[in-house]
Amino acid sequence: MTNGNYEQLKAKFLKAYANVPEDERAQPIILINRKTYNWNTAFDEITADTELGRSIIIKMHDVGLL
């Protein structure tokens, strides 16, 4: 994945996150390496530009969430 594609997916994620009600942000949304991640954790990892954040975005894209 190129950096440009990643930035596009990151922008999509941030837009989606902004539209998720706060109560729903604690719900699990993705499973990576047998561990679940919710919207809040994903947001923290993605905005910090961590490897986990990159994995979360790629997985969300692969399963059609982005």
PDB file of N, CA and C in Angstrom:
ATOM      1  N   MET A   1       0.856  -1.175   0.000  1.00  0.00           N
ATOM      2  CA  MET A   1       0.000   0.000   0.000  1.00  0.00           C
ATOM      3  C   MET A   1       0.897   1.231   0.000  1.00  0.00           C
ATOM      4  N   THR A   2       0.597   2.144  -0.887  1.00  0.00           N
ATOM      5  CA  THR A   2       1.393   3.368  -0.953  1.00  0.00           C
ATOM      6  C   THR A   2       0.979   4.327   0.151  1.00  0.00           C
ATOM      7  N   ASN A   3       1.832   5.277   0.420  1.00  0.00           N
ATOM      8  CA  ASN A   3       1.545   6.252   1.460  1.00  0.00           C
ATOM      9  C   ASN A   3       0.298   7.074   1.114  1.00  0.00           C
ATOM     10  N   GLY A   4       0.117   7.385  -0.169  1.00  0.00           N
ATOM     11  CA  GLY A   4      -1.061   8.128  -0.605  1.00  0.00           C
ATOM     12  C   GLY A   4      -2.346   7.365  -0.344  1.00  0.00           C
ATOM     13  N   ASN A   5      -2.329   6.055  -0.644  1.00  0.00           N
ATOM     14  CA  ASN A   5      -3.505   5.219  -0.385  1.00  0.00           C
ATOM     15  C   ASN A   5      -3.794   5.148   1.112  1.00  0.00           C
ATOM     16  N   TYR A   6      -2.723   5.018   1.901  1.00  0.00           N
ATOM     17  CA  TYR A   6      -2.888   4.968   3.351  1.00  0.00           C
ATOM     18  C   TYR A   6      -3.522   6.256   3.857  1.00  0.00           C
ATOM     19  N   GLU A   7      -3.056   7.385   3.364  1.00  0.00           N
ATOM     20  CA  GLU A   7      -3.600   8.671   3.806  1.00  0.00           C
ATOM     21  C   GLU A   7      -5.077   8.806   3.417  1.00  0.00           C
ATOM     22  N   GLN A   8      -5.451   8.288   2.251  1.00  0.00           N
ATOM     23  CA  GLN A   8      -6.861   8.304   1.843  1.00  0.00           C
ATOM     24  C   GLN A   8      -7.701   7.444   2.786  1.00  0.00           C
ATOM     25  N   LEU A   9      -7.207   6.260   3.116  1.00  0.00           N
ATOM     26  CA  LEU A   9      -7.938   5.383   4.033  1.00  0.00           C
ATOM     27  C   LEU A   9      -7.994   5.990   5.431  1.00  0.00           C
ATOM     28  N   LYS A  10      -6.930   6.638   5.842  1.00  0.00           N
ATOM     29  CA  LYS A  10      -6.912   7.301   7.140  1.00  0.00           C
ATOM     30  C   LYS A  10      -7.971   8.396   7.189  1.00  0.00           C
ATOM     31  N   ALA A  11      -8.086   9.179   6.121  1.00  0.00           N
ATOM     32  CA  ALA A  11      -9.107  10.232   6.051  1.00  0.00           C
ATOM     33  C   ALA A  11     -10.512   9.622   6.102  1.00  0.00           C
ATOM     34  N   LYS A  12     -10.719   8.500   5.413  1.00  0.00           N
ATOM     35  CA  LYS A  12     -12.018   7.818   5.455  1.00  0.00           C
ATOM     36  C   LYS A  12     -12.330   7.336   6.866  1.00  0.00           C
ATOM     37  N   PHE A  13     -11.306   6.773   7.515  1.00  0.00           N
ATOM     38  CA  PHE A  13     -11.503   6.296   8.882  1.00  0.00           C
ATOM     39  C   PHE A  13     -11.892   7.454   9.798  1.00  0.00           C
ATOM     40  N   LEU A  14     -11.178   8.560   9.724  1.00  0.00           N
ATOM     41  CA  LEU A  14     -11.451   9.700  10.599  1.00  0.00           C
ATOM     42  C   LEU A  14     -12.852  10.249  10.367  1.00  0.00           C
ATOM     43  N   LYS A  15     -13.297  10.260   9.118  1.00  0.00           N
ATOM     44  CA  LYS A  15     -14.656  10.709   8.812  1.00  0.00           C
ATOM     45  C   LYS A  15     -15.683   9.729   9.399  1.00  0.00           C
ATOM     46  N   ALA A  16     -15.422   8.444   9.237  1.00  0.00           N
ATOM     47  CA  ALA A  16     -16.333   7.435   9.786  1.00  0.00           C
ATOM     48  C   ALA A  16     -16.366   7.520  11.306  1.00  0.00           C
ATOM     49  N   TYR A  17     -15.203   7.647  11.920  1.00  0.00           N
ATOM     50  CA  TYR A  17     -15.107   7.732  13.386  1.00  0.00           C
ATOM     51  C   TYR A  17     -15.922   8.910  13.910  1.00  0.00           C
ATOM     52  N   ALA A  18     -15.844  10.046  13.235  1.00  0.00           N
ATOM     53  CA  ALA A  18     -16.574  11.240  13.661  1.00  0.00           C
ATOM     54  C   ALA A  18     -18.086  11.018  13.628  1.00  0.00           C
ATOM     55  N   ASN A  19     -18.534  10.106  12.777  1.00  0.00           N
ATOM     56  CA  ASN A  19     -19.968   9.853  12.637  1.00  0.00           C
ATOM     57  C   ASN A  19     -20.484   8.712  13.510  1.00  0.00           C
ATOM     58  N   VAL A  20     -19.588   8.040  14.212  1.00  0.00           N
ATOM     59  CA  VAL A  20     -20.001   6.952  15.103  1.00  0.00           C
ATOM     60  C   VAL A  20     -20.407   7.561  16.450  1.00  0.00           C
ATOM     61  N   PRO A  21     -21.607   7.244  16.929  1.00  0.00           N
ATOM     62  CA  PRO A  21     -22.018   7.762  18.242  1.00  0.00           C
ATOM     63  C   PRO A  21     -21.036   7.325  19.330  1.00  0.00           C
ATOM     64  N   GLU A  22     -20.828   8.196  20.308  1.00  0.00           N
ATOM     65  CA  GLU A  22     -19.849   7.918  21.361  1.00  0.00           C
ATOM     66  C   GLU A  22     -20.103   6.595  22.066  1.00  0.00           C
ATOM     67  N   ASP A  23     -21.347   6.260  22.303  1.00  0.00           N
ATOM     68  CA  ASP A  23     -21.676   5.004  22.982  1.00  0.00           C
ATOM     69  C   ASP A  23     -21.235   3.782  22.165  1.00  0.00           C
ATOM     70  N   GLU A  24     -21.228   3.905  20.848  1.00  0.00           N
ATOM     71  CA  GLU A  24     -20.866   2.789  19.972  1.00  0.00           C
ATOM     72  C   GLU A  24     -19.362   2.638  19.801  1.00  0.00           C
ATOM     73  N   ARG A  25     -18.596   3.647  20.147  1.00  0.00           N
ATOM     74  CA  ARG A  25     -17.151   3.623  19.930  1.00  0.00           C
ATOM     75  C   ARG A  25     -16.425   2.589  20.777  1.00  0.00           C
ATOM     76  N   ALA A  26     -17.062   2.097  21.821  1.00  0.00           N
ATOM     77  CA  ALA A  26     -16.447   1.078  22.671  1.00  0.00           C
ATOM     78  C   ALA A  26     -16.693  -0.335  22.140  1.00  0.00           C
ATOM     79  N   GLN A  27     -17.527  -0.473  21.115  1.00  0.00           N
ATOM     80  CA  GLN A  27     -17.840  -1.778  20.548  1.00  0.00           C
ATOM     81  C   GLN A  27     -16.695  -2.277  19.672  1.00  0.00           C
ATOM     82  N   PRO A  28     -16.375  -3.562  19.727  1.00  0.00           N
ATOM     83  CA  PRO A  28     -15.321  -4.116  18.870  1.00  0.00           C
ATOM     84  C   PRO A  28     -15.690  -3.970  17.396  1.00  0.00           C
ATOM     85  N   ILE A  29     -14.685  -3.632  16.581  1.00  0.00           N
ATOM     86  CA  ILE A  29     -14.943  -3.477  15.148  1.00  0.00           C
ATOM     87  C   ILE A  29     -14.045  -4.345  14.282  1.00  0.00           C
ATOM     88  N   ILE A  30     -12.899  -4.769  14.828  1.00  0.00           N
ATOM     89  CA  ILE A  30     -11.948  -5.501  13.994  1.00  0.00           C
ATOM     90  C   ILE A  30     -11.173  -6.501  14.854  1.00  0.00           C
ATOM     91  N   LEU A  31     -10.796  -7.597  14.253  1.00  0.00           N
ATOM     92  CA  LEU A  31     -10.026  -8.637  14.930  1.00  0.00           C
ATOM     93  C   LEU A  31      -8.689  -8.796  14.208  1.00  0.00           C
ATOM     94  N   ILE A  32      -7.605  -8.600  14.943  1.00  0.00           N
ATOM     95  CA  ILE A  32      -6.261  -8.761  14.383  1.00  0.00           C
ATOM     96  C   ILE A  32      -5.448  -9.606  15.355  1.00  0.00           C
ATOM     97  N   ASN A  33      -4.883 -10.679  14.840  1.00  0.00           N
ATOM     98  CA  ASN A  33      -4.076 -11.588  15.670  1.00  0.00           C
ATOM     99  C   ASN A  33      -4.811 -12.019  16.941  1.00  0.00           C
ATOM    100  N   ARG A  34      -6.063 -12.397  16.773  1.00  0.00           N
ATOM    101  CA  ARG A  34      -6.921 -12.893  17.857  1.00  0.00           C
ATOM    102  C   ARG A  34      -7.214 -11.856  18.939  1.00  0.00           C
ATOM    103  N   LYS A  35      -7.023 -10.586  18.631  1.00  0.00           N
ATOM    104  CA  LYS A  35      -7.336  -9.522  19.580  1.00  0.00           C
ATOM    105  C   LYS A  35      -8.304  -8.551  18.911  1.00  0.00           C
ATOM    106  N   THR A  36      -9.341  -8.165  19.673  1.00  0.00           N
ATOM    107  CA  THR A  36     -10.317  -7.234  19.122  1.00  0.00           C
ATOM    108  C   THR A  36      -9.925  -5.791  19.439  1.00  0.00           C
ATOM    109  N   TYR A  37     -10.311  -4.920  18.525  1.00  0.00           N
ATOM    110  CA  TYR A  37     -10.057  -3.495  18.681  1.00  0.00           C
ATOM    111  C   TYR A  37     -11.357  -2.741  18.448  1.00  0.00           C
ATOM    112  N   ASN A  38     -11.581  -1.721  19.264  1.00  0.00           N
ATOM    113  CA  ASN A  38     -12.782  -0.910  19.106  1.00  0.00           C
ATOM    114  C   ASN A  38     -12.427   0.392  18.391  1.00  0.00           C
ATOM    115  N   TRP A  39     -13.439   1.215  18.145  1.00  0.00           N
ATOM    116  CA  TRP A  39     -13.221   2.481  17.440  1.00  0.00           C
ATOM    117  C   TRP A  39     -12.218   3.366  18.172  1.00  0.00           C
ATOM    118  N   ASN A  40     -12.315   3.429  19.485  1.00  0.00           N
ATOM    119  CA  ASN A  40     -11.435   4.313  20.254  1.00  0.00           C
ATOM    120  C   ASN A  40      -9.975   3.874  20.173  1.00  0.00           C
ATOM    121  N   THR A  41      -9.733   2.595  20.329  1.00  0.00           N
ATOM    122  CA  THR A  41      -8.373   2.084  20.229  1.00  0.00           C
ATOM    123  C   THR A  41      -7.834   2.275  18.818  1.00  0.00           C
ATOM    124  N   ALA A  42      -8.669   1.984  17.839  1.00  0.00           N
ATOM    125  CA  ALA A  42      -8.262   2.179  16.449  1.00  0.00           C
ATOM    126  C   ALA A  42      -7.903   3.642  16.202  1.00  0.00           C
ATOM    127  N   PHE A  43      -8.728   4.549  16.704  1.00  0.00           N
ATOM    128  CA  PHE A  43      -8.462   5.975  16.541  1.00  0.00           C
ATOM    129  C   PHE A  43      -7.110   6.349  17.139  1.00  0.00           C
ATOM    130  N   ASP A  44      -6.848   5.884  18.346  1.00  0.00           N
ATOM    131  CA  ASP A  44      -5.572   6.197  19.007  1.00  0.00           C
ATOM    132  C   ASP A  44      -4.382   5.679  18.205  1.00  0.00           C
ATOM    133  N   GLU A  45      -4.472   4.447  17.742  1.00  0.00           N
ATOM    134  CA  GLU A  45      -3.364   3.845  16.993  1.00  0.00           C
ATOM    135  C   GLU A  45      -3.179   4.506  15.628  1.00  0.00           C
ATOM    136  N   ILE A  46      -4.276   4.800  14.968  1.00  0.00           N
ATOM    137  CA  ILE A  46      -4.197   5.385  13.627  1.00  0.00           C
ATOM    138  C   ILE A  46      -3.688   6.821  13.681  1.00  0.00           C
ATOM    139  N   THR A  47      -4.162   7.602  14.626  1.00  0.00           N
ATOM    140  CA  THR A  47      -3.691   8.987  14.713  1.00  0.00           C
ATOM    141  C   THR A  47      -2.247   9.072  15.185  1.00  0.00           C
ATOM    142  N   ALA A  48      -1.756   8.040  15.884  1.00  0.00           N
ATOM    143  CA  ALA A  48      -0.355   8.002  16.308  1.00  0.00           C
ATOM    144  C   ALA A  48       0.541   7.416  15.215  1.00  0.00           C
ATOM    145  N   ASP A  49      -0.056   6.995  14.104  1.00  0.00           N
ATOM    146  CA  ASP A  49       0.674   6.407  12.971  1.00  0.00           C
ATOM    147  C   ASP A  49       1.559   5.233  13.381  1.00  0.00           C
ATOM    148  N   THR A  50       0.984   4.322  14.185  1.00  0.00           N
ATOM    149  CA  THR A  50       1.722   3.132  14.607  1.00  0.00           C
ATOM    150  C   THR A  50       1.556   2.014  13.574  1.00  0.00           C
ATOM    151  N   GLU A  51       2.385   0.998  13.687  1.00  0.00           N
ATOM    152  CA  GLU A  51       2.254  -0.169  12.814  1.00  0.00           C
ATOM    153  C   GLU A  51       0.905  -0.849  13.033  1.00  0.00           C
ATOM    154  N   LEU A  52       0.468  -0.898  14.289  1.00  0.00           N
ATOM    155  CA  LEU A  52      -0.842  -1.474  14.580  1.00  0.00           C
ATOM    156  C   LEU A  52      -1.935  -0.649  13.901  1.00  0.00           C
ATOM    157  N   GLY A  53      -1.818   0.647  13.950  1.00  0.00           N
ATOM    158  CA  GLY A  53      -2.787   1.516  13.279  1.00  0.00           C
ATOM    159  C   GLY A  53      -2.850   1.242  11.790  1.00  0.00           C
ATOM    160  N   ARG A  54      -1.700   1.055  11.191  1.00  0.00           N
ATOM    161  CA  ARG A  54      -1.641   0.735   9.757  1.00  0.00           C
ATOM    162  C   ARG A  54      -2.317  -0.619   9.499  1.00  0.00           C
ATOM    163  N   SER A  55      -2.055  -1.595  10.363  1.00  0.00           N
ATOM    164  CA  SER A  55      -2.687  -2.914  10.219  1.00  0.00           C
ATOM    165  C   SER A  55      -4.196  -2.822  10.364  1.00  0.00           C
ATOM    166  N   ILE A  56      -4.660  -2.002  11.294  1.00  0.00           N
ATOM    167  CA  ILE A  56      -6.098  -1.831  11.510  1.00  0.00           C
ATOM    168  C   ILE A  56      -6.749  -1.241  10.267  1.00  0.00           C
ATOM    169  N   ILE A  57      -6.133  -0.202   9.703  1.00  0.00           N
ATOM    170  CA  ILE A  57      -6.708   0.428   8.499  1.00  0.00           C
ATOM    171  C   ILE A  57      -6.749  -0.561   7.337  1.00  0.00           C
ATOM    172  N   ILE A  58      -5.671  -1.292   7.136  1.00  0.00           N
ATOM    173  CA  ILE A  58      -5.625  -2.252   6.036  1.00  0.00           C
ATOM    174  C   ILE A  58      -6.703  -3.319   6.219  1.00  0.00           C
ATOM    175  N   LYS A  59      -6.833  -3.845   7.435  1.00  0.00           N
ATOM    176  CA  LYS A  59      -7.845  -4.877   7.709  1.00  0.00           C
ATOM    177  C   LYS A  59      -9.253  -4.321   7.517  1.00  0.00           C
ATOM    178  N   MET A  60      -9.494  -3.101   8.006  1.00  0.00           N
ATOM    179  CA  MET A  60     -10.819  -2.498   7.832  1.00  0.00           C
ATOM    180  C   MET A  60     -11.141  -2.322   6.354  1.00  0.00           C
ATOM    181  N   HIS A  61     -10.149  -1.950   5.563  1.00  0.00           N
ATOM    182  CA  HIS A  61     -10.350  -1.812   4.135  1.00  0.00           C
ATOM    183  C   HIS A  61     -10.634  -3.177   3.493  1.00  0.00           C
ATOM    184  N   ASP A  62      -9.858  -4.188   3.886  1.00  0.00           N
ATOM    185  CA  ASP A  62     -10.005  -5.529   3.320  1.00  0.00           C
ATOM    186  C   ASP A  62     -11.393  -6.119   3.574  1.00  0.00           C
ATOM    187  N   VAL A  63     -11.968  -5.836   4.747  1.00  0.00           N
ATOM    188  CA  VAL A  63     -13.282  -6.399   5.071  1.00  0.00           C
ATOM    189  C   VAL A  63     -14.431  -5.483   4.665  1.00  0.00           C
ATOM    190  N   GLY A  64     -14.110  -4.345   4.054  1.00  0.00           N
ATOM    191  CA  GLY A  64     -15.144  -3.467   3.517  1.00  0.00           C
ATOM    192  C   GLY A  64     -15.678  -2.424   4.475  1.00  0.00           C
ATOM    193  N   LEU A  65     -15.007  -2.203   5.589  1.00  0.00           N
ATOM    194  CA  LEU A  65     -15.464  -1.160   6.511  1.00  0.00           C
ATOM    195  C   LEU A  65     -15.024   0.226   6.070  1.00  0.00           C
ATOM    196  N   LEU A  66     -14.026   0.300   5.215  1.00  0.00           N
ATOM    197  CA  LEU A  66     -13.568   1.592   4.679  1.00  0.00           C
ATOM    198  C   LEU A  66     -13.580   1.534   3.179  1.00  0.00           C
TER     199      LEU A  66
END
